[in-house]
PDB file of all heavy atoms in Angstrom:
ATOM      1  N   GLU A   1      98.449 103.241  72.865  1.00  0.00           N
ATOM      2  CA  GLU A   1      99.507 103.127  73.877  1.00  0.00           C
ATOM      3  C   GLU A   1      98.934 102.759  75.245  1.00  0.00           C
ATOM      4  O   GLU A   1      99.474 101.887  75.938  1.00  0.00           O
ATOM      5  CB  GLU A   1     100.282 104.445  73.973  1.00  0.00           C
ATOM      6  CG  GLU A   1     101.139 104.764  72.758  1.00  0.00           C
ATOM      7  CD  GLU A   1     100.322 105.252  71.556  1.00  0.00           C
ATOM      8  OE1 GLU A   1      99.154 105.694  71.760  1.00  0.00           O
ATOM      9  OE2 GLU A   1     100.832 105.183  70.434  1.00  0.00           O
ATOM     10  N   ILE A   2      97.833 103.402  75.637  1.00  0.00           N
ATOM     11  CA  ILE A   2      97.255 103.091  76.954  1.00  0.00           C
ATOM     12  C   ILE A   2      96.552 101.737  76.919  1.00  0.00           C
ATOM     13  O   ILE A   2      96.535 101.000  77.916  1.00  0.00           O
ATOM     14  CB  ILE A   2      96.301 104.222  77.427  1.00  0.00           C
ATOM     15  CG1 ILE A   2      96.125 104.149  78.955  1.00  0.00           C
ATOM     16  CG2 ILE A   2      94.959 104.185  76.740  1.00  0.00           C
ATOM     17  CD1 ILE A   2      97.368 104.472  79.732  1.00  0.00           C
ATOM     18  N   TYR A   3      95.995 101.376  75.783  1.00  0.00           N
ATOM     19  CA  TYR A   3      95.403 100.048  75.585  1.00  0.00           C
ATOM     20  C   TYR A   3      96.429  98.963  75.892  1.00  0.00           C
ATOM     21  O   TYR A   3      96.120  97.937  76.510  1.00  0.00           O
ATOM     22  CB  TYR A   3      94.919  99.951  74.144  1.00  0.00           C
ATOM     23  CG  TYR A   3      94.401  98.611  73.670  1.00  0.00           C
ATOM     24  CD1 TYR A   3      93.039  98.330  73.650  1.00  0.00           C
ATOM     25  CD2 TYR A   3      95.275  97.639  73.175  1.00  0.00           C
ATOM     26  CE1 TYR A   3      92.561  97.113  73.172  1.00  0.00           C
ATOM     27  CE2 TYR A   3      94.812  96.428  72.703  1.00  0.00           C
ATOM     28  CZ  TYR A   3      93.459  96.162  72.699  1.00  0.00           C
ATOM     29  OH  TYR A   3      92.996  94.952  72.224  1.00  0.00           O
ATOM     30  N   ASN A   4      97.658  99.191  75.481  1.00  0.00           N
ATOM     31  CA  ASN A   4      98.707  98.190  75.638  1.00  0.00           C
ATOM     32  C   ASN A   4      99.197  98.065  77.075  1.00  0.00           C
ATOM     33  O   ASN A   4      99.915  97.113  77.410  1.00  0.00           O
ATOM     34  CB  ASN A   4      99.893  98.522  74.727  1.00  0.00           C
ATOM     35  CG  ASN A   4     100.706  97.300  74.390  1.00  0.00           C
ATOM     36  OD1 ASN A   4     100.153  96.234  74.103  1.00  0.00           O
ATOM     37  ND2 ASN A   4     102.026  97.431  74.436  1.00  0.00           N
ATOM     38  N   LEU A   5      98.796  99.003  77.939  1.00  0.00           N
ATOM     39  CA  LEU A   5      99.161  98.952  79.357  1.00  0.00           C
ATOM     40  C   LEU A   5      97.994  98.514  80.244  1.00  0.00           C
ATOM     41  O   LEU A   5      98.196  98.268  81.439  1.00  0.00           O
ATOM     42  CB  LEU A   5      99.623 100.338  79.837  1.00  0.00           C
ATOM     43  CG  LEU A   5     100.957 100.869  79.315  1.00  0.00           C
ATOM     44  CD1 LEU A   5     101.184 102.286  79.811  1.00  0.00           C
ATOM     45  CD2 LEU A   5     102.117  99.963  79.731  1.00  0.00           C
ATOM     46  N   THR A   6      96.804  98.408  79.680  1.00  0.00           N
ATOM     47  CA  THR A   6      95.599  98.271  80.491  1.00  0.00           C
ATOM     48  C   THR A   6      94.983  96.883  80.421  1.00  0.00           C
ATOM     49  O   THR A   6      94.895  96.272  79.350  1.00  0.00           O
ATOM     50  CB  THR A   6      94.546  99.308  80.054  1.00  0.00           C
ATOM     51  OG1 THR A   6      95.101 100.617  80.196  1.00  0.00           O
ATOM     52  CG2 THR A   6      93.285  99.206  80.909  1.00  0.00           C
ATOM     53  N   PHE A   7      94.537  96.415  81.595  1.00  0.00           N
ATOM     54  CA  PHE A   7      93.777  95.173  81.720  1.00  0.00           C
ATOM     55  C   PHE A   7      92.371  95.556  82.173  1.00  0.00           C
ATOM     56  O   PHE A   7      92.194  96.092  83.275  1.00  0.00           O
ATOM     57  CB  PHE A   7      94.431  94.237  82.733  1.00  0.00           C
ATOM     58  CG  PHE A   7      95.811  93.805  82.322  1.00  0.00           C
ATOM     59  CD1 PHE A   7      96.907  94.630  82.538  1.00  0.00           C
ATOM     60  CD2 PHE A   7      96.013  92.584  81.697  1.00  0.00           C
ATOM     61  CE1 PHE A   7      98.178  94.250  82.148  1.00  0.00           C
ATOM     62  CE2 PHE A   7      97.279  92.187  81.298  1.00  0.00           C
ATOM     63  CZ  PHE A   7      98.367  93.026  81.520  1.00  0.00           C
ATOM     64  N   THR A   8      91.399  95.318  81.321  1.00  0.00           N
ATOM     65  CA  THR A   8      90.017  95.665  81.630  1.00  0.00           C
ATOM     66  C   THR A   8      89.326  94.452  82.229  1.00  0.00           C
ATOM     67  O   THR A   8      89.296  93.375  81.629  1.00  0.00           O
ATOM     68  CB  THR A   8      89.277  96.118  80.356  1.00  0.00           C
ATOM     69  OG1 THR A   8      89.962  97.249  79.796  1.00  0.00           O
ATOM     70  CG2 THR A   8      87.834  96.503  80.673  1.00  0.00           C
ATOM     71  N   VAL A   9      88.784  94.641  83.427  1.00  0.00           N
ATOM     72  CA  VAL A   9      88.098  93.555  84.136  1.00  0.00           C
ATOM     73  C   VAL A   9      86.626  93.900  84.276  1.00  0.00           C
ATOM     74  O   VAL A   9      86.261  95.031  84.600  1.00  0.00           O
ATOM     75  CB  VAL A   9      88.727  93.314  85.522  1.00  0.00           C
ATOM     76  CG1 VAL A   9      87.855  92.400  86.378  1.00  0.00           C
ATOM     77  CG2 VAL A   9      90.122  92.722  85.377  1.00  0.00           C
ATOM     78  N   ASN A  10      85.774  92.915  84.016  1.00  0.00           N
ATOM     79  CA  ASN A  10      84.334  93.108  84.154  1.00  0.00           C
ATOM     80  C   ASN A  10      83.704  91.761  84.483  1.00  0.00           C
ATOM     81  O   ASN A  10      84.404  90.759  84.670  1.00  0.00           O
ATOM     82  CB  ASN A  10      83.751  93.717  82.878  1.00  0.00           C
ATOM     83  CG  ASN A  10      82.536  94.579  83.132  1.00  0.00           C
ATOM     84  OD1 ASN A  10      81.701  94.261  83.985  1.00  0.00           O
ATOM     85  ND2 ASN A  10      82.417  95.679  82.403  1.00  0.00           N
ATOM     86  N   GLY A  11      82.379  91.730  84.561  1.00  0.00           N
ATOM     87  CA  GLY A  11      81.704  90.484  84.892  1.00  0.00           C
ATOM     88  C   GLY A  11      80.199  90.647  84.849  1.00  0.00           C
ATOM     89  O   GLY A  11      79.680  91.649  84.347  1.00  0.00           O
ATOM     90  N   PHE A  12      79.510  89.683  85.409  1.00  0.00           N
ATOM     91  CA  PHE A  12      78.058  89.593  85.279  1.00  0.00           C
ATOM     92  C   PHE A  12      77.326  89.736  86.617  1.00  0.00           C
ATOM     93  O   PHE A  12      76.112  89.881  86.637  1.00  0.00           O
ATOM     94  CB  PHE A  12      77.697  88.248  84.636  1.00  0.00           C
ATOM     95  CG  PHE A  12      78.342  88.050  83.304  1.00  0.00           C
ATOM     96  CD1 PHE A  12      79.631  87.528  83.194  1.00  0.00           C
ATOM     97  CD2 PHE A  12      77.690  88.428  82.138  1.00  0.00           C
ATOM     98  CE1 PHE A  12      80.238  87.366  81.956  1.00  0.00           C
ATOM     99  CE2 PHE A  12      78.292  88.269  80.892  1.00  0.00           C
ATOM    100  CZ  PHE A  12      79.566  87.739  80.811  1.00  0.00           C
ATOM    101  N   SER A  13      78.055  89.725  87.716  1.00  0.00           N
ATOM    102  CA  SER A  13      77.421  89.620  89.027  1.00  0.00           C
ATOM    103  C   SER A  13      76.565  90.821  89.395  1.00  0.00           C
ATOM    104  O   SER A  13      75.422  90.659  89.857  1.00  0.00           O
ATOM    105  CB  SER A  13      78.487  89.400  90.106  1.00  0.00           C
ATOM    106  OG  SER A  13      79.418  90.467  90.113  1.00  0.00           O
ATOM    107  N   LYS A  14      77.067  92.033  89.192  1.00  0.00           N
ATOM    108  CA  LYS A  14      76.343  93.219  89.628  1.00  0.00           C
ATOM    109  C   LYS A  14      75.279  93.635  88.610  1.00  0.00           C
ATOM    110  O   LYS A  14      74.145  93.949  88.979  1.00  0.00           O
ATOM    111  CB  LYS A  14      77.316  94.377  89.854  1.00  0.00           C
ATOM    112  CG  LYS A  14      78.558  94.032  90.652  1.00  0.00           C
ATOM    113  CD  LYS A  14      78.265  93.493  92.039  1.00  0.00           C
ATOM    114  CE  LYS A  14      79.574  93.223  92.787  1.00  0.00           C
ATOM    115  NZ  LYS A  14      79.366  92.690  94.130  1.00  0.00           N
ATOM    116  N   THR A  15      75.633  93.624  87.329  1.00  0.00           N
ATOM    117  CA  THR A  15      74.711  94.102  86.302  1.00  0.00           C
ATOM    118  C   THR A  15      73.505  93.192  86.131  1.00  0.00           C
ATOM    119  O   THR A  15      72.379  93.666  85.943  1.00  0.00           O
ATOM    120  CB  THR A  15      75.446  94.230  84.962  1.00  0.00           C
ATOM    121  OG1 THR A  15      76.523  95.161  85.113  1.00  0.00           O
ATOM    122  CG2 THR A  15      74.515  94.733  83.865  1.00  0.00           C
ATOM    123  N   TYR A  16      73.729  91.889  86.219  1.00  0.00           N
ATOM    124  CA  TYR A  16      72.659  90.933  85.936  1.00  0.00           C
ATOM    125  C   TYR A  16      72.232  90.131  87.165  1.00  0.00           C
ATOM    126  O   TYR A  16      71.557  89.118  87.027  1.00  0.00           O
ATOM    127  CB  TYR A  16      73.100  89.982  84.824  1.00  0.00           C
ATOM    128  CG  TYR A  16      73.387  90.695  83.525  1.00  0.00           C
ATOM    129  CD1 TYR A  16      74.696  91.023  83.161  1.00  0.00           C
ATOM    130  CD2 TYR A  16      72.363  91.070  82.664  1.00  0.00           C
ATOM    131  CE1 TYR A  16      74.966  91.693  81.973  1.00  0.00           C
ATOM    132  CE2 TYR A  16      72.617  91.743  81.478  1.00  0.00           C
ATOM    133  CZ  TYR A  16      73.919  92.060  81.140  1.00  0.00           C
ATOM    134  OH  TYR A  16      74.184  92.730  79.973  1.00  0.00           O
ATOM    135  N   ALA A  17      72.623  90.592  88.359  1.00  0.00           N
ATOM    136  CA  ALA A  17      72.258  89.895  89.605  1.00  0.00           C
ATOM    137  C   ALA A  17      72.660  88.429  89.530  1.00  0.00           C
ATOM    138  O   ALA A  17      71.872  87.524  89.799  1.00  0.00           O
ATOM    139  CB  ALA A  17      70.767  90.043  89.887  1.00  0.00           C
ATOM    140  N   MET A  18      73.925  88.192  89.179  1.00  0.00           N
ATOM    141  CA  MET A  18      74.432  86.831  88.998  1.00  0.00           C
ATOM    142  C   MET A  18      75.608  86.556  89.943  1.00  0.00           C
ATOM    143  O   MET A  18      76.575  85.878  89.580  1.00  0.00           O
ATOM    144  CB  MET A  18      74.866  86.624  87.537  1.00  0.00           C
ATOM    145  CG  MET A  18      73.730  86.666  86.538  1.00  0.00           C
ATOM    146  SD  MET A  18      74.279  86.631  84.805  1.00  0.00           S
ATOM    147  CE  MET A  18      75.022  84.994  84.707  1.00  0.00           C
ATOM    148  N   THR A  19      75.525  87.044  91.164  1.00  0.00           N
ATOM    149  CA  THR A  19      76.662  86.926  92.075  1.00  0.00           C
ATOM    150  C   THR A  19      77.079  85.472  92.321  1.00  0.00           C
ATOM    151  O   THR A  19      78.259  85.149  92.298  1.00  0.00           O
ATOM    152  CB  THR A  19      76.353  87.607  93.418  1.00  0.00           C
ATOM    153  OG1 THR A  19      75.082  87.140  93.893  1.00  0.00           O
ATOM    154  CG2 THR A  19      76.288  89.114  93.258  1.00  0.00           C
ATOM    155  N   GLY A  20      76.120  84.598  92.557  1.00  0.00           N
ATOM    156  CA  GLY A  20      76.448  83.211  92.848  1.00  0.00           C
ATOM    157  C   GLY A  20      76.892  82.405  91.645  1.00  0.00           C
ATOM    158  O   GLY A  20      77.389  81.284  91.793  1.00  0.00           O
ATOM    159  N   TRP A  21      76.747  82.953  90.456  1.00  0.00           N
ATOM    160  CA  TRP A  21      77.152  82.245  89.246  1.00  0.00           C
ATOM    161  C   TRP A  21      78.669  82.229  89.082  1.00  0.00           C
ATOM    162  O   TRP A  21      79.212  81.391  88.380  1.00  0.00           O
ATOM    163  CB  TRP A  21      76.536  82.918  88.019  1.00  0.00           C
ATOM    164  CG  TRP A  21      75.047  82.870  87.971  1.00  0.00           C
ATOM    165  CD1 TRP A  21      74.169  83.419  88.866  1.00  0.00           C
ATOM    166  CD2 TRP A  21      74.242  82.249  86.961  1.00  0.00           C
ATOM    167  NE1 TRP A  21      72.869  83.181  88.473  1.00  0.00           N
ATOM    168  CE2 TRP A  21      72.887  82.472  87.307  1.00  0.00           C
ATOM    169  CE3 TRP A  21      74.539  81.545  85.791  1.00  0.00           C
ATOM    170  CZ2 TRP A  21      71.837  82.001  86.524  1.00  0.00           C
ATOM    171  CZ3 TRP A  21      73.495  81.084  85.010  1.00  0.00           C
ATOM    172  CH2 TRP A  21      72.157  81.307  85.382  1.00  0.00           C
ATOM    173  N   ARG A  22      79.354  83.168  89.703  1.00  0.00           N
ATOM    174  CA  ARG A  22      80.806  83.305  89.685  1.00  0.00           C
ATOM    175  C   ARG A  22      81.353  83.363  88.270  1.00  0.00           C
ATOM    176  O   ARG A  22      82.009  82.440  87.775  1.00  0.00           O
ATOM    177  CB  ARG A  22      81.498  82.170  90.471  1.00  0.00           C
ATOM    178  CG  ARG A  22      81.026  81.977  91.896  1.00  0.00           C
ATOM    179  CD  ARG A  22      80.884  83.287  92.686  1.00  0.00           C
ATOM    180  NE  ARG A  22      82.118  84.083  92.698  1.00  0.00           N
ATOM    181  CZ  ARG A  22      82.151  85.394  92.465  1.00  0.00           C
ATOM    182  NH1 ARG A  22      81.059  86.082  92.197  1.00  0.00           N
ATOM    183  NH2 ARG A  22      83.289  86.023  92.507  1.00  0.00           N
ATOM    184  N   LEU A  23      81.079  84.474  87.600  1.00  0.00           N
ATOM    185  CA  LEU A  23      81.553  84.674  86.232  1.00  0.00           C
ATOM    186  C   LEU A  23      82.065  86.098  86.039  1.00  0.00           C
ATOM    187  O   LEU A  23      81.340  87.060  86.291  1.00  0.00           O
ATOM    188  CB  LEU A  23      80.431  84.413  85.214  1.00  0.00           C
ATOM    189  CG  LEU A  23      80.126  82.955  84.897  1.00  0.00           C
ATOM    190  CD1 LEU A  23      78.851  82.872  84.074  1.00  0.00           C
ATOM    191  CD2 LEU A  23      81.287  82.324  84.141  1.00  0.00           C
ATOM    192  N   GLY A  24      83.297  86.196  85.627  1.00  0.00           N
ATOM    193  CA  GLY A  24      83.882  87.477  85.265  1.00  0.00           C
ATOM    194  C   GLY A  24      84.815  87.264  84.093  1.00  0.00           C
ATOM    195  O   GLY A  24      84.908  86.162  83.546  1.00  0.00           O
ATOM    196  N   TYR A  25      85.520  88.312  83.714  1.00  0.00           N
ATOM    197  CA  TYR A  25      86.474  88.150  82.620  1.00  0.00           C
ATOM    198  C   TYR A  25      87.480  89.287  82.618  1.00  0.00           C
ATOM    199  O   TYR A  25      87.242  90.370  83.158  1.00  0.00           O
ATOM    200  CB  TYR A  25      85.770  88.069  81.256  1.00  0.00           C
ATOM    201  CG  TYR A  25      84.932  89.275  80.884  1.00  0.00           C
ATOM    202  CD1 TYR A  25      85.491  90.398  80.270  1.00  0.00           C
ATOM    203  CD2 TYR A  25      83.558  89.290  81.127  1.00  0.00           C
ATOM    204  CE1 TYR A  25      84.715  91.483  79.918  1.00  0.00           C
ATOM    205  CE2 TYR A  25      82.777  90.373  80.772  1.00  0.00           C
ATOM    206  CZ  TYR A  25      83.356  91.470  80.171  1.00  0.00           C
ATOM    207  OH  TYR A  25      82.578  92.554  79.827  1.00  0.00           O
ATOM    208  N   SER A  26      88.604  89.009  81.983  1.00  0.00           N
ATOM    209  CA  SER A  26      89.602  90.048  81.727  1.00  0.00           C
ATOM    210  C   SER A  26      89.811  90.160  80.229  1.00  0.00           C
ATOM    211  O   SER A  26      89.717  89.165  79.492  1.00  0.00           O
ATOM    212  CB  SER A  26      90.936  89.716  82.413  1.00  0.00           C
ATOM    213  OG  SER A  26      91.445  88.470  81.950  1.00  0.00           O
ATOM    214  N   ALA A  27      90.054  91.385  79.791  1.00  0.00           N
ATOM    215  CA  ALA A  27      90.435  91.671  78.411  1.00  0.00           C
ATOM    216  C   ALA A  27      91.831  92.277  78.473  1.00  0.00           C
ATOM    217  O   ALA A  27      92.022  93.344  79.071  1.00  0.00           O
ATOM    218  CB  ALA A  27      89.442  92.627  77.757  1.00  0.00           C
ATOM    219  N   SER A  28      92.797  91.598  77.896  1.00  0.00           N
ATOM    220  CA  SER A  28      94.200  91.943  78.106  1.00  0.00           C
ATOM    221  C   SER A  28      94.892  92.352  76.819  1.00  0.00           C
ATOM    222  O   SER A  28      94.491  91.946  75.725  1.00  0.00           O
ATOM    223  CB  SER A  28      94.941  90.734  78.696  1.00  0.00           C
ATOM    224  OG  SER A  28      94.322  90.287  79.881  1.00  0.00           O
ATOM    225  N   PRO A  29      95.973  93.124  76.935  1.00  0.00           N
ATOM    226  CA  PRO A  29      96.771  93.423  75.745  1.00  0.00           C
ATOM    227  C   PRO A  29      97.406  92.135  75.216  1.00  0.00           C
ATOM    228  O   PRO A  29      97.609  91.176  75.978  1.00  0.00           O
ATOM    229  CB  PRO A  29      97.824  94.414  76.256  1.00  0.00           C
ATOM    230  CG  PRO A  29      97.850  94.237  77.739  1.00  0.00           C
ATOM    231  CD  PRO A  29      96.498  93.790  78.149  1.00  0.00           C
ATOM    232  N   PRO A  30      97.716  92.090  73.933  1.00  0.00           N
ATOM    233  CA  PRO A  30      98.211  90.840  73.326  1.00  0.00           C
ATOM    234  C   PRO A  30      99.426  90.240  74.018  1.00  0.00           C
ATOM    235  O   PRO A  30      99.571  89.016  74.070  1.00  0.00           O
ATOM    236  CB  PRO A  30      98.541  91.267  71.889  1.00  0.00           C
ATOM    237  CG  PRO A  30      97.654  92.434  71.618  1.00  0.00           C
ATOM    238  CD  PRO A  30      97.546  93.168  72.930  1.00  0.00           C
ATOM    239  N   TRP A  31     100.305  91.081  74.552  1.00  0.00           N
ATOM    240  CA  TRP A  31     101.538  90.557  75.122  1.00  0.00           C
ATOM    241  C   TRP A  31     101.336  89.747  76.406  1.00  0.00           C
ATOM    242  O   TRP A  31     102.227  88.994  76.825  1.00  0.00           O
ATOM    243  CB  TRP A  31     102.537  91.692  75.393  1.00  0.00           C
ATOM    244  CG  TRP A  31     102.047  92.765  76.351  1.00  0.00           C
ATOM    245  CD1 TRP A  31     101.400  93.912  76.011  1.00  0.00           C
ATOM    246  CD2 TRP A  31     102.165  92.759  77.779  1.00  0.00           C
ATOM    247  NE1 TRP A  31     101.100  94.642  77.141  1.00  0.00           N
ATOM    248  CE2 TRP A  31     101.562  93.961  78.244  1.00  0.00           C
ATOM    249  CE3 TRP A  31     102.717  91.885  78.701  1.00  0.00           C
ATOM    250  CZ2 TRP A  31     101.497  94.279  79.607  1.00  0.00           C
ATOM    251  CZ3 TRP A  31     102.650  92.201  80.055  1.00  0.00           C
ATOM    252  CH2 TRP A  31     102.056  93.396  80.490  1.00  0.00           C
ATOM    253  N   ALA A  32     100.148  89.876  77.040  1.00  0.00           N
ATOM    254  CA  ALA A  32      99.930  89.198  78.321  1.00  0.00           C
ATOM    255  C   ALA A  32      98.769  88.213  78.305  1.00  0.00           C
ATOM    256  O   ALA A  32      98.643  87.404  79.229  1.00  0.00           O
ATOM    257  CB  ALA A  32      99.689  90.232  79.419  1.00  0.00           C
ATOM    258  N   ALA A  33      97.930  88.265  77.293  1.00  0.00           N
ATOM    259  CA  ALA A  33      96.699  87.475  77.309  1.00  0.00           C
ATOM    260  C   ALA A  33      96.964  85.975  77.408  1.00  0.00           C
ATOM    261  O   ALA A  33      96.322  85.253  78.189  1.00  0.00           O
ATOM    262  CB  ALA A  33      95.867  87.791  76.068  1.00  0.00           C
TER     263      ALA A  33
END
């Protein structure tokens, strides 16, 4: 139920020191992806 309400956002800039690469992503519930 909470999965279906949640949009998980993450990326590569902080973890891999890739700030200038400009790469992130969203993982969305099926109804909005």
